């Protein structure tokens, strides 16, 4: 996993594991469609799922620290505010030519 690869200085493997976590989280959000729970007034299920996703995002932010420390710190700061702060995109998309 990530920690074993980091300990062995296999940074490419670390980043692959990290990216797989990000991809899985993105897929999970797309599949679960939390905005539907919000519209349906299903707050209990939504709160439980959002809590789990936020924990994953926090883990991803910690794992990102050795590679992108400023971005990691920014994510953790946004997550620690009450309520969670909305920030500008961390990785803005390039404009099309």
PDB file of N, CA and C in Angstrom:
ATOM      1  N   UNK A   1       0.792  -1.174   0.000  1.00  0.00           N
ATOM      2  CA  UNK A   1       0.000   0.000   0.000  1.00  0.00           C
ATOM      3  C   UNK A   1       0.854   1.266   0.000  1.00  0.00           C
ATOM      4  N   UNK A   2       0.214   2.339   0.274  1.00  0.00           N
ATOM      5  CA  UNK A   2       0.852   3.663   0.248  1.00  0.00           C
ATOM      6  C   UNK A   2       2.027   3.750   1.213  1.00  0.00           C
ATOM      7  N   UNK A   3       1.812   3.364   2.459  1.00  0.00           N
ATOM      8  CA  UNK A   3       2.849   3.533   3.483  1.00  0.00           C
ATOM      9  C   UNK A   3       4.070   2.666   3.208  1.00  0.00           C
ATOM     10  N   UNK A   4       3.841   1.457   2.725  1.00  0.00           N
ATOM     11  CA  UNK A   4       4.956   0.589   2.388  1.00  0.00           C
ATOM     12  C   UNK A   4       5.769   1.183   1.238  1.00  0.00           C
ATOM     13  N   UNK A   5       5.083   1.684   0.235  1.00  0.00           N
ATOM     14  CA  UNK A   5       5.762   2.296  -0.910  1.00  0.00           C
ATOM     15  C   UNK A   5       6.516   3.549  -0.487  1.00  0.00           C
ATOM     16  N   UNK A   6       5.917   4.348   0.393  1.00  0.00           N
ATOM     17  CA  UNK A   6       6.583   5.559   0.865  1.00  0.00           C
ATOM     18  C   UNK A   6       7.842   5.196   1.647  1.00  0.00           C
ATOM     19  N   UNK A   7       7.753   4.179   2.505  1.00  0.00           N
ATOM     20  CA  UNK A   7       8.903   3.735   3.274  1.00  0.00           C
ATOM     21  C   UNK A   7      10.029   3.211   2.399  1.00  0.00           C
ATOM     22  N   UNK A   8       9.669   2.652   1.254  1.00  0.00           N
ATOM     23  CA  UNK A   8      10.658   2.114   0.320  1.00  0.00           C
ATOM     24  C   UNK A   8      11.078   3.157  -0.722  1.00  0.00           C
ATOM     25  N   UNK A   9      10.634   4.388  -0.551  1.00  0.00           N
ATOM     26  CA  UNK A   9      10.923   5.487  -1.493  1.00  0.00           C
ATOM     27  C   UNK A   9      10.455   5.176  -2.917  1.00  0.00           C
ATOM     28  N   UNK A  10       9.368   4.425  -3.023  1.00  0.00           N
ATOM     29  CA  UNK A  10       8.762   4.121  -4.318  1.00  0.00           C
ATOM     30  C   UNK A  10       7.655   5.148  -4.560  1.00  0.00           C
ATOM     31  N   UNK A  11       8.078   6.359  -4.874  1.00  0.00           N
ATOM     32  CA  UNK A  11       7.149   7.484  -4.961  1.00  0.00           C
ATOM     33  C   UNK A  11       6.139   7.319  -6.088  1.00  0.00           C
ATOM     34  N   UNK A  12       6.540   6.703  -7.173  1.00  0.00           N
ATOM     35  CA  UNK A  12       5.616   6.475  -8.274  1.00  0.00           C
ATOM     36  C   UNK A  12       4.458   5.580  -7.819  1.00  0.00           C
ATOM     37  N   UNK A  13       4.783   4.556  -7.023  1.00  0.00           N
ATOM     38  CA  UNK A  13       3.745   3.666  -6.493  1.00  0.00           C
ATOM     39  C   UNK A  13       2.839   4.424  -5.531  1.00  0.00           C
ATOM     40  N   UNK A  14       3.427   5.271  -4.698  1.00  0.00           N
ATOM     41  CA  UNK A  14       2.618   6.094  -3.778  1.00  0.00           C
ATOM     42  C   UNK A  14       1.586   6.901  -4.548  1.00  0.00           C
ATOM     43  N   UNK A  15       2.041   7.541  -5.609  1.00  0.00           N
ATOM     44  CA  UNK A  15       1.142   8.386  -6.390  1.00  0.00           C
ATOM     45  C   UNK A  15       0.074   7.565  -7.107  1.00  0.00           C
ATOM     46  N   UNK A  16       0.423   6.355  -7.547  1.00  0.00           N
ATOM     47  CA  UNK A  16      -0.580   5.479  -8.167  1.00  0.00           C
ATOM     48  C   UNK A  16      -1.658   5.095  -7.156  1.00  0.00           C
ATOM     49  N   UNK A  17      -1.242   4.743  -5.939  1.00  0.00           N
ATOM     50  CA  UNK A  17      -2.200   4.385  -4.886  1.00  0.00           C
ATOM     51  C   UNK A  17      -3.076   5.593  -4.548  1.00  0.00           C
ATOM     52  N   UNK A  18      -2.449   6.741  -4.425  1.00  0.00           N
ATOM     53  CA  UNK A  18      -3.169   7.976  -4.115  1.00  0.00           C
ATOM     54  C   UNK A  18      -4.185   8.299  -5.205  1.00  0.00           C
ATOM     55  N   UNK A  19      -3.759   8.223  -6.453  1.00  0.00           N
ATOM     56  CA  UNK A  19      -4.668   8.511  -7.562  1.00  0.00           C
ATOM     57  C   UNK A  19      -5.819   7.515  -7.618  1.00  0.00           C
ATOM     58  N   UNK A  20      -5.551   6.236  -7.302  1.00  0.00           N
ATOM     59  CA  UNK A  20      -6.617   5.228  -7.268  1.00  0.00           C
ATOM     60  C   UNK A  20      -7.653   5.576  -6.203  1.00  0.00           C
ATOM     61  N   UNK A  21      -7.202   6.082  -5.046  1.00  0.00           N
ATOM     62  CA  UNK A  21      -8.131   6.503  -3.992  1.00  0.00           C
ATOM     63  C   UNK A  21      -9.005   7.667  -4.457  1.00  0.00           C
ATOM     64  N   UNK A  22      -8.391   8.622  -5.139  1.00  0.00           N
ATOM     65  CA  UNK A  22      -9.135   9.776  -5.654  1.00  0.00           C
ATOM     66  C   UNK A  22     -10.159   9.324  -6.691  1.00  0.00           C
ATOM     67  N   UNK A  23      -9.744   8.455  -7.605  1.00  0.00           N
ATOM     68  CA  UNK A  23     -10.642   7.953  -8.649  1.00  0.00           C
ATOM     69  C   UNK A  23     -11.815   7.190  -8.039  1.00  0.00           C
ATOM     70  N   UNK A  24     -11.542   6.346  -7.045  1.00  0.00           N
ATOM     71  CA  UNK A  24     -12.600   5.575  -6.395  1.00  0.00           C
ATOM     72  C   UNK A  24     -13.591   6.494  -5.679  1.00  0.00           C
ATOM     73  N   UNK A  25     -13.080   7.501  -4.992  1.00  0.00           N
ATOM     74  CA  UNK A  25     -13.950   8.449  -4.296  1.00  0.00           C
ATOM     75  C   UNK A  25     -14.837   9.192  -5.298  1.00  0.00           C
ATOM     76  N   UNK A  26     -14.251   9.619  -6.391  1.00  0.00           N
ATOM     77  CA  UNK A  26     -15.011  10.321  -7.426  1.00  0.00           C
ATOM     78  C   UNK A  26     -16.109   9.425  -7.999  1.00  0.00           C
ATOM     79  N   UNK A  27     -15.767   8.168  -8.272  1.00  0.00           N
ATOM     80  CA  UNK A  27     -16.760   7.216  -8.788  1.00  0.00           C
ATOM     81  C   UNK A  27     -17.890   6.996  -7.787  1.00  0.00           C
ATOM     82  N   UNK A  28     -17.507   6.866  -6.520  1.00  0.00           N
ATOM     83  CA  UNK A  28     -18.501   6.634  -5.467  1.00  0.00           C
ATOM     84  C   UNK A  28     -19.486   7.802  -5.382  1.00  0.00           C
ATOM     85  N   UNK A  29     -18.967   9.013  -5.463  1.00  0.00           N
ATOM     86  CA  UNK A  29     -19.843  10.198  -5.413  1.00  0.00           C
ATOM     87  C   UNK A  29     -20.748  10.231  -6.636  1.00  0.00           C
ATOM     88  N   UNK A  30     -20.194   9.941  -7.820  1.00  0.00           N
ATOM     89  CA  UNK A  30     -21.005   9.919  -9.039  1.00  0.00           C
ATOM     90  C   UNK A  30     -22.096   8.853  -8.969  1.00  0.00           C
ATOM     91  N   UNK A  31     -21.773   7.703  -8.394  1.00  0.00           N
ATOM     92  CA  UNK A  31     -22.734   6.609  -8.296  1.00  0.00           C
ATOM     93  C   UNK A  31     -23.815   6.894  -7.264  1.00  0.00           C
ATOM     94  N   UNK A  32     -23.406   7.370  -6.086  1.00  0.00           N
ATOM     95  CA  UNK A  32     -24.352   7.618  -4.995  1.00  0.00           C
ATOM     96  C   UNK A  32     -25.221   8.843  -5.226  1.00  0.00           C
ATOM     97  N   UNK A  33     -24.750   9.814  -5.961  1.00  0.00           N
ATOM     98  CA  UNK A  33     -25.480  11.034  -6.280  1.00  0.00           C
ATOM     99  C   UNK A  33     -26.103  11.672  -5.025  1.00  0.00           C
ATOM    100  N   UNK A  34     -25.268  12.220  -4.140  1.00  0.00           N
ATOM    101  CA  UNK A  34     -25.768  12.745  -2.868  1.00  0.00           C
ATOM    102  C   UNK A  34     -26.760  13.896  -3.020  1.00  0.00           C
ATOM    103  N   UNK A  35     -26.709  14.579  -4.130  1.00  0.00           N
ATOM    104  CA  UNK A  35     -27.652  15.675  -4.356  1.00  0.00           C
ATOM    105  C   UNK A  35     -29.087  15.158  -4.402  1.00  0.00           C
ATOM    106  N   UNK A  36     -29.271  13.898  -4.780  1.00  0.00           N
ATOM    107  CA  UNK A  36     -30.620  13.309  -4.788  1.00  0.00           C
ATOM    108  C   UNK A  36     -31.116  13.089  -3.361  1.00  0.00           C
ATOM    109  N   UNK A  37     -30.234  12.630  -2.462  1.00  0.00           N
ATOM    110  CA  UNK A  37     -30.615  12.476  -1.056  1.00  0.00           C
ATOM    111  C   UNK A  37     -30.993  13.830  -0.461  1.00  0.00           C
ATOM    112  N   UNK A  38     -30.243  14.862  -0.830  1.00  0.00           N
ATOM    113  CA  UNK A  38     -30.520  16.206  -0.326  1.00  0.00           C
ATOM    114  C   UNK A  38     -31.897  16.676  -0.786  1.00  0.00           C
ATOM    115  N   UNK A  39     -32.194  16.506  -2.075  1.00  0.00           N
ATOM    116  CA  UNK A  39     -33.493  16.928  -2.613  1.00  0.00           C
ATOM    117  C   UNK A  39     -34.646  16.124  -2.008  1.00  0.00           C
ATOM    118  N   UNK A  40     -34.394  14.849  -1.693  1.00  0.00           N
ATOM    119  CA  UNK A  40     -35.432  13.980  -1.148  1.00  0.00           C
ATOM    120  C   UNK A  40     -35.602  14.163   0.360  1.00  0.00           C
ATOM    121  N   UNK A  41     -34.777  15.011   0.967  1.00  0.00           N
ATOM    122  CA  UNK A  41     -34.872  15.228   2.401  1.00  0.00           C
ATOM    123  C   UNK A  41     -34.326  14.067   3.222  1.00  0.00           C
ATOM    124  N   UNK A  42     -33.454  13.278   2.619  1.00  0.00           N
ATOM    125  CA  UNK A  42     -32.890  12.109   3.276  1.00  0.00           C
ATOM    126  C   UNK A  42     -31.595  12.500   3.994  1.00  0.00           C
ATOM    127  N   UNK A  43     -31.722  13.383   4.972  1.00  0.00           N
ATOM    128  CA  UNK A  43     -30.576  13.980   5.635  1.00  0.00           C
ATOM    129  C   UNK A  43     -29.724  13.023   6.429  1.00  0.00           C
ATOM    130  N   UNK A  44     -30.325  12.023   7.051  1.00  0.00           N
ATOM    131  CA  UNK A  44     -29.551  11.087   7.877  1.00  0.00           C
ATOM    132  C   UNK A  44     -28.592  10.283   6.999  1.00  0.00           C
ATOM    133  N   UNK A  45     -29.098   9.742   5.920  1.00  0.00           N
ATOM    134  CA  UNK A  45     -28.250   8.970   5.003  1.00  0.00           C
ATOM    135  C   UNK A  45     -27.178   9.869   4.392  1.00  0.00           C
ATOM    136  N   UNK A  46     -27.564  11.080   4.053  1.00  0.00           N
ATOM    137  CA  UNK A  46     -26.627  12.027   3.448  1.00  0.00           C
ATOM    138  C   UNK A  46     -25.513  12.384   4.426  1.00  0.00           C
ATOM    139  N   UNK A  47     -25.857  12.656   5.672  1.00  0.00           N
ATOM    140  CA  UNK A  47     -24.853  13.016   6.668  1.00  0.00           C
ATOM    141  C   UNK A  47     -23.863  11.877   6.884  1.00  0.00           C
ATOM    142  N   UNK A  48     -24.365  10.664   6.968  1.00  0.00           N
ATOM    143  CA  UNK A  48     -23.496   9.501   7.158  1.00  0.00           C
ATOM    144  C   UNK A  48     -22.523   9.361   5.985  1.00  0.00           C
ATOM    145  N   UNK A  49     -23.033   9.486   4.765  1.00  0.00           N
ATOM    146  CA  UNK A  49     -22.192   9.325   3.584  1.00  0.00           C
ATOM    147  C   UNK A  49     -21.186  10.466   3.456  1.00  0.00           C
ATOM    148  N   UNK A  50     -21.623  11.690   3.711  1.00  0.00           N
ATOM    149  CA  UNK A  50     -20.713  12.830   3.624  1.00  0.00           C
ATOM    150  C   UNK A  50     -19.588  12.721   4.655  1.00  0.00           C
ATOM    151  N   UNK A  51     -19.910  12.232   5.843  1.00  0.00           N
ATOM    152  CA  UNK A  51     -18.898  12.046   6.878  1.00  0.00           C
ATOM    153  C   UNK A  51     -17.827  11.054   6.411  1.00  0.00           C
ATOM    154  N   UNK A  52     -18.253   9.965   5.796  1.00  0.00           N
ATOM    155  CA  UNK A  52     -17.307   8.966   5.286  1.00  0.00           C
ATOM    156  C   UNK A  52     -16.443   9.549   4.168  1.00  0.00           C
ATOM    157  N   UNK A  53     -17.061  10.292   3.266  1.00  0.00           N
ATOM    158  CA  UNK A  53     -16.298  10.898   2.168  1.00  0.00           C
ATOM    159  C   UNK A  53     -15.310  11.933   2.680  1.00  0.00           C
ATOM    160  N   UNK A  54     -15.716  12.724   3.667  1.00  0.00           N
ATOM    161  CA  UNK A  54     -14.802  13.722   4.225  1.00  0.00           C
ATOM    162  C   UNK A  54     -13.603  13.064   4.892  1.00  0.00           C
ATOM    163  N   UNK A  55     -13.816  11.937   5.537  1.00  0.00           N
ATOM    164  CA  UNK A  55     -12.699  11.200   6.141  1.00  0.00           C
ATOM    165  C   UNK A  55     -11.734  10.731   5.058  1.00  0.00           C
ATOM    166  N   UNK A  56     -12.266  10.272   3.922  1.00  0.00           N
ATOM    167  CA  UNK A  56     -11.405   9.840   2.822  1.00  0.00           C
ATOM    168  C   UNK A  56     -10.634  11.020   2.241  1.00  0.00           C
ATOM    169  N   UNK A  57     -11.301  12.158   2.098  1.00  0.00           N
ATOM    170  CA  UNK A  57     -10.624  13.346   1.575  1.00  0.00           C
ATOM    171  C   UNK A  57      -9.508  13.774   2.522  1.00  0.00           C
ATOM    172  N   UNK A  58      -9.754  13.683   3.811  1.00  0.00           N
ATOM    173  CA  UNK A  58      -8.727  14.039   4.789  1.00  0.00           C
ATOM    174  C   UNK A  58      -7.523  13.099   4.665  1.00  0.00           C
ATOM    175  N   UNK A  59      -7.765  11.810   4.521  1.00  0.00           N
ATOM    176  CA  UNK A  59      -6.676  10.856   4.327  1.00  0.00           C
ATOM    177  C   UNK A  59      -5.900  11.173   3.055  1.00  0.00           C
ATOM    178  N   UNK A  60      -6.606  11.459   1.990  1.00  0.00           N
ATOM    179  CA  UNK A  60      -5.960  11.814   0.725  1.00  0.00           C
ATOM    180  C   UNK A  60      -5.093  13.055   0.908  1.00  0.00           C
ATOM    181  N   UNK A  61      -5.595  14.034   1.640  1.00  0.00           N
ATOM    182  CA  UNK A  61      -4.821  15.261   1.876  1.00  0.00           C
ATOM    183  C   UNK A  61      -3.532  14.953   2.628  1.00  0.00           C
ATOM    184  N   UNK A  62      -3.606  14.098   3.648  1.00  0.00           N
ATOM    185  CA  UNK A  62      -2.402  13.720   4.390  1.00  0.00           C
ATOM    186  C   UNK A  62      -1.408  12.985   3.490  1.00  0.00           C
ATOM    187  N   UNK A  63      -1.907  12.070   2.677  1.00  0.00           N
ATOM    188  CA  UNK A  63      -1.034  11.309   1.785  1.00  0.00           C
ATOM    189  C   UNK A  63      -0.410  12.201   0.719  1.00  0.00           C
ATOM    190  N   UNK A  64      -1.093  13.265   0.377  1.00  0.00           N
ATOM    191  CA  UNK A  64      -0.599  14.192  -0.643  1.00  0.00           C
ATOM    192  C   UNK A  64       0.533  15.089  -0.124  1.00  0.00           C
ATOM    193  N   UNK A  65       0.641  15.242   1.186  1.00  0.00           N
ATOM    194  CA  UNK A  65       1.584  16.184   1.798  1.00  0.00           C
ATOM    195  C   UNK A  65       3.032  16.038   1.331  1.00  0.00           C
ATOM    196  N   UNK A  66       3.589  14.829   1.195  1.00  0.00           N
ATOM    197  CA  UNK A  66       4.981  14.746   0.755  1.00  0.00           C
ATOM    198  C   UNK A  66       5.204  15.219  -0.682  1.00  0.00           C
ATOM    199  N   UNK A  67       4.149  15.245  -1.471  1.00  0.00           N
ATOM    200  CA  UNK A  67       4.277  15.562  -2.889  1.00  0.00           C
ATOM    201  C   UNK A  67       3.815  16.978  -3.220  1.00  0.00           C
ATOM    202  N   UNK A  68       2.725  17.408  -2.616  1.00  0.00           N
ATOM    203  CA  UNK A  68       2.182  18.750  -2.826  1.00  0.00           C
ATOM    204  C   UNK A  68       1.808  19.330  -1.461  1.00  0.00           C
ATOM    205  N   UNK A  69       2.796  19.752  -0.674  1.00  0.00           N
ATOM    206  CA  UNK A  69       2.506  20.183   0.700  1.00  0.00           C
ATOM    207  C   UNK A  69       1.557  21.371   0.799  1.00  0.00           C
ATOM    208  N   UNK A  70       1.689  22.347  -0.089  1.00  0.00           N
ATOM    209  CA  UNK A  70       0.798  23.510  -0.035  1.00  0.00           C
ATOM    210  C   UNK A  70      -0.648  23.117  -0.328  1.00  0.00           C
ATOM    211  N   UNK A  71      -0.838  22.252  -1.309  1.00  0.00           N
ATOM    212  CA  UNK A  71      -2.184  21.794  -1.662  1.00  0.00           C
ATOM    213  C   UNK A  71      -2.773  20.967  -0.524  1.00  0.00           C
ATOM    214  N   UNK A  72      -1.962  20.096   0.057  1.00  0.00           N
ATOM    215  CA  UNK A  72      -2.406  19.300   1.195  1.00  0.00           C
ATOM    216  C   UNK A  72      -2.867  20.199   2.333  1.00  0.00           C
ATOM    217  N   UNK A  73      -2.063  21.194   2.658  1.00  0.00           N
ATOM    218  CA  UNK A  73      -2.397  22.115   3.752  1.00  0.00           C
ATOM    219  C   UNK A  73      -3.678  22.886   3.443  1.00  0.00           C
ATOM    220  N   UNK A  74      -3.844  23.292   2.211  1.00  0.00           N
ATOM    221  CA  UNK A  74      -5.052  24.039   1.811  1.00  0.00           C
ATOM    222  C   UNK A  74      -6.306  23.184   1.982  1.00  0.00           C
ATOM    223  N   UNK A  75      -6.223  21.915   1.564  1.00  0.00           N
ATOM    224  CA  UNK A  75      -7.361  21.005   1.726  1.00  0.00           C
ATOM    225  C   UNK A  75      -7.706  20.852   3.199  1.00  0.00           C
ATOM    226  N   UNK A  76      -6.693  20.603   4.023  1.00  0.00           N
ATOM    227  CA  UNK A  76      -6.922  20.401   5.455  1.00  0.00           C
ATOM    228  C   UNK A  76      -7.489  21.654   6.116  1.00  0.00           C
ATOM    229  N   UNK A  77      -7.047  22.832   5.683  1.00  0.00           N
ATOM    230  CA  UNK A  77      -7.593  24.079   6.233  1.00  0.00           C
ATOM    231  C   UNK A  77      -9.058  24.237   5.859  1.00  0.00           C
ATOM    232  N   UNK A  78      -9.398  23.954   4.612  1.00  0.00           N
ATOM    233  CA  UNK A  78     -10.794  24.057   4.179  1.00  0.00           C
ATOM    234  C   UNK A  78     -11.679  23.094   4.962  1.00  0.00           C
ATOM    235  N   UNK A  79     -11.183  21.881   5.200  1.00  0.00           N
ATOM    236  CA  UNK A  79     -11.974  20.878   5.915  1.00  0.00           C
ATOM    237  C   UNK A  79     -12.127  21.192   7.394  1.00  0.00           C
ATOM    238  N   UNK A  80     -11.194  21.952   7.947  1.00  0.00           N
ATOM    239  CA  UNK A  80     -11.239  22.211   9.385  1.00  0.00           C
ATOM    240  C   UNK A  80     -12.081  23.426   9.761  1.00  0.00           C
ATOM    241  N   UNK A  81     -12.558  24.178   8.778  1.00  0.00           N
ATOM    242  CA  UNK A  81     -13.378  25.348   9.099  1.00  0.00           C
ATOM    243  C   UNK A  81     -14.804  24.918   9.424  1.00  0.00           C
ATOM    244  N   UNK A  82     -15.515  25.746  10.191  1.00  0.00           N
ATOM    245  CA  UNK A  82     -16.902  25.468  10.572  1.00  0.00           C
ATOM    246  C   UNK A  82     -17.800  26.561  10.029  1.00  0.00           C
ATOM    247  N   UNK A  83     -18.678  26.336   9.107  1.00  0.00           N
ATOM    248  CA  UNK A  83     -18.804  25.120   8.309  1.00  0.00           C
ATOM    249  C   UNK A  83     -17.620  24.985   7.354  1.00  0.00           C
ATOM    250  N   UNK A  84     -17.542  23.848   6.703  1.00  0.00           N
ATOM    251  CA  UNK A  84     -16.453  23.612   5.764  1.00  0.00           C
ATOM    252  C   UNK A  84     -16.476  24.708   4.712  1.00  0.00           C
ATOM    253  N   UNK A  85     -15.316  25.294   4.488  1.00  0.00           N
ATOM    254  CA  UNK A  85     -15.214  26.435   3.577  1.00  0.00           C
ATOM    255  C   UNK A  85     -15.239  25.989   2.125  1.00  0.00           C
ATOM    256  N   UNK A  86     -15.756  26.858   1.292  1.00  0.00           N
ATOM    257  CA  UNK A  86     -15.711  26.662  -0.151  1.00  0.00           C
ATOM    258  C   UNK A  86     -14.502  27.433  -0.649  1.00  0.00           C
ATOM    259  N   UNK A  87     -13.681  26.772  -1.427  1.00  0.00           N
ATOM    260  CA  UNK A  87     -12.491  27.429  -1.954  1.00  0.00           C
ATOM    261  C   UNK A  87     -12.470  27.376  -3.463  1.00  0.00           C
ATOM    262  N   UNK A  88     -11.490  28.031  -4.016  1.00  0.00           N
ATOM    263  CA  UNK A  88     -11.319  27.972  -5.461  1.00  0.00           C
ATOM    264  C   UNK A  88     -10.766  26.590  -5.826  1.00  0.00           C
ATOM    265  N   UNK A  89     -10.897  26.186  -7.084  1.00  0.00           N
ATOM    266  CA  UNK A  89     -10.412  24.862  -7.487  1.00  0.00           C
ATOM    267  C   UNK A  89      -8.922  24.697  -7.175  1.00  0.00           C
ATOM    268  N   UNK A  90      -8.560  23.531  -6.656  1.00  0.00           N
ATOM    269  CA  UNK A  90      -7.162  23.245  -6.349  1.00  0.00           C
ATOM    270  C   UNK A  90      -6.378  22.949  -7.607  1.00  0.00           C
ATOM    271  N   UNK A  91      -7.044  22.357  -8.574  1.00  0.00           N
ATOM    272  CA  UNK A  91      -6.412  22.009  -9.842  1.00  0.00           C
ATOM    273  C   UNK A  91      -7.320  22.490 -10.979  1.00  0.00           C
ATOM    274  N   UNK A  92      -7.258  23.790 -11.278  1.00  0.00           N
ATOM    275  CA  UNK A  92      -8.147  24.326 -12.311  1.00  0.00           C
ATOM    276  C   UNK A  92      -7.879  23.673 -13.664  1.00  0.00           C
ATOM    277  N   UNK A  93      -8.936  23.510 -14.413  1.00  0.00           N
ATOM    278  CA  UNK A  93      -8.809  22.930 -15.754  1.00  0.00           C
ATOM    279  C   UNK A  93      -8.195  23.961 -16.689  1.00  0.00           C
ATOM    280  N   UNK A  94      -7.378  23.467 -17.592  1.00  0.00           N
ATOM    281  CA  UNK A  94      -6.767  24.357 -18.579  1.00  0.00           C
ATOM    282  C   UNK A  94      -7.846  24.822 -19.543  1.00  0.00           C
ATOM    283  N   UNK A  95      -7.726  26.065 -19.948  1.00  0.00           N
ATOM    284  CA  UNK A  95      -8.686  26.586 -20.923  1.00  0.00           C
ATOM    285  C   UNK A  95      -8.423  25.964 -22.270  1.00  0.00           C
ATOM    286  N   UNK A  96      -9.505  25.686 -22.970  1.00  0.00           N
ATOM    287  CA  UNK A  96      -9.359  25.110 -24.309  1.00  0.00           C
ATOM    288  C   UNK A  96      -8.937  26.180 -25.285  1.00  0.00           C
ATOM    289  N   UNK A  97      -8.150  25.782 -26.261  1.00  0.00           N
ATOM    290  CA  UNK A  97      -7.666  26.740 -27.273  1.00  0.00           C
ATOM    291  C   UNK A  97      -8.728  27.007 -28.300  1.00  0.00           C
TER     292      UNK A  97
END
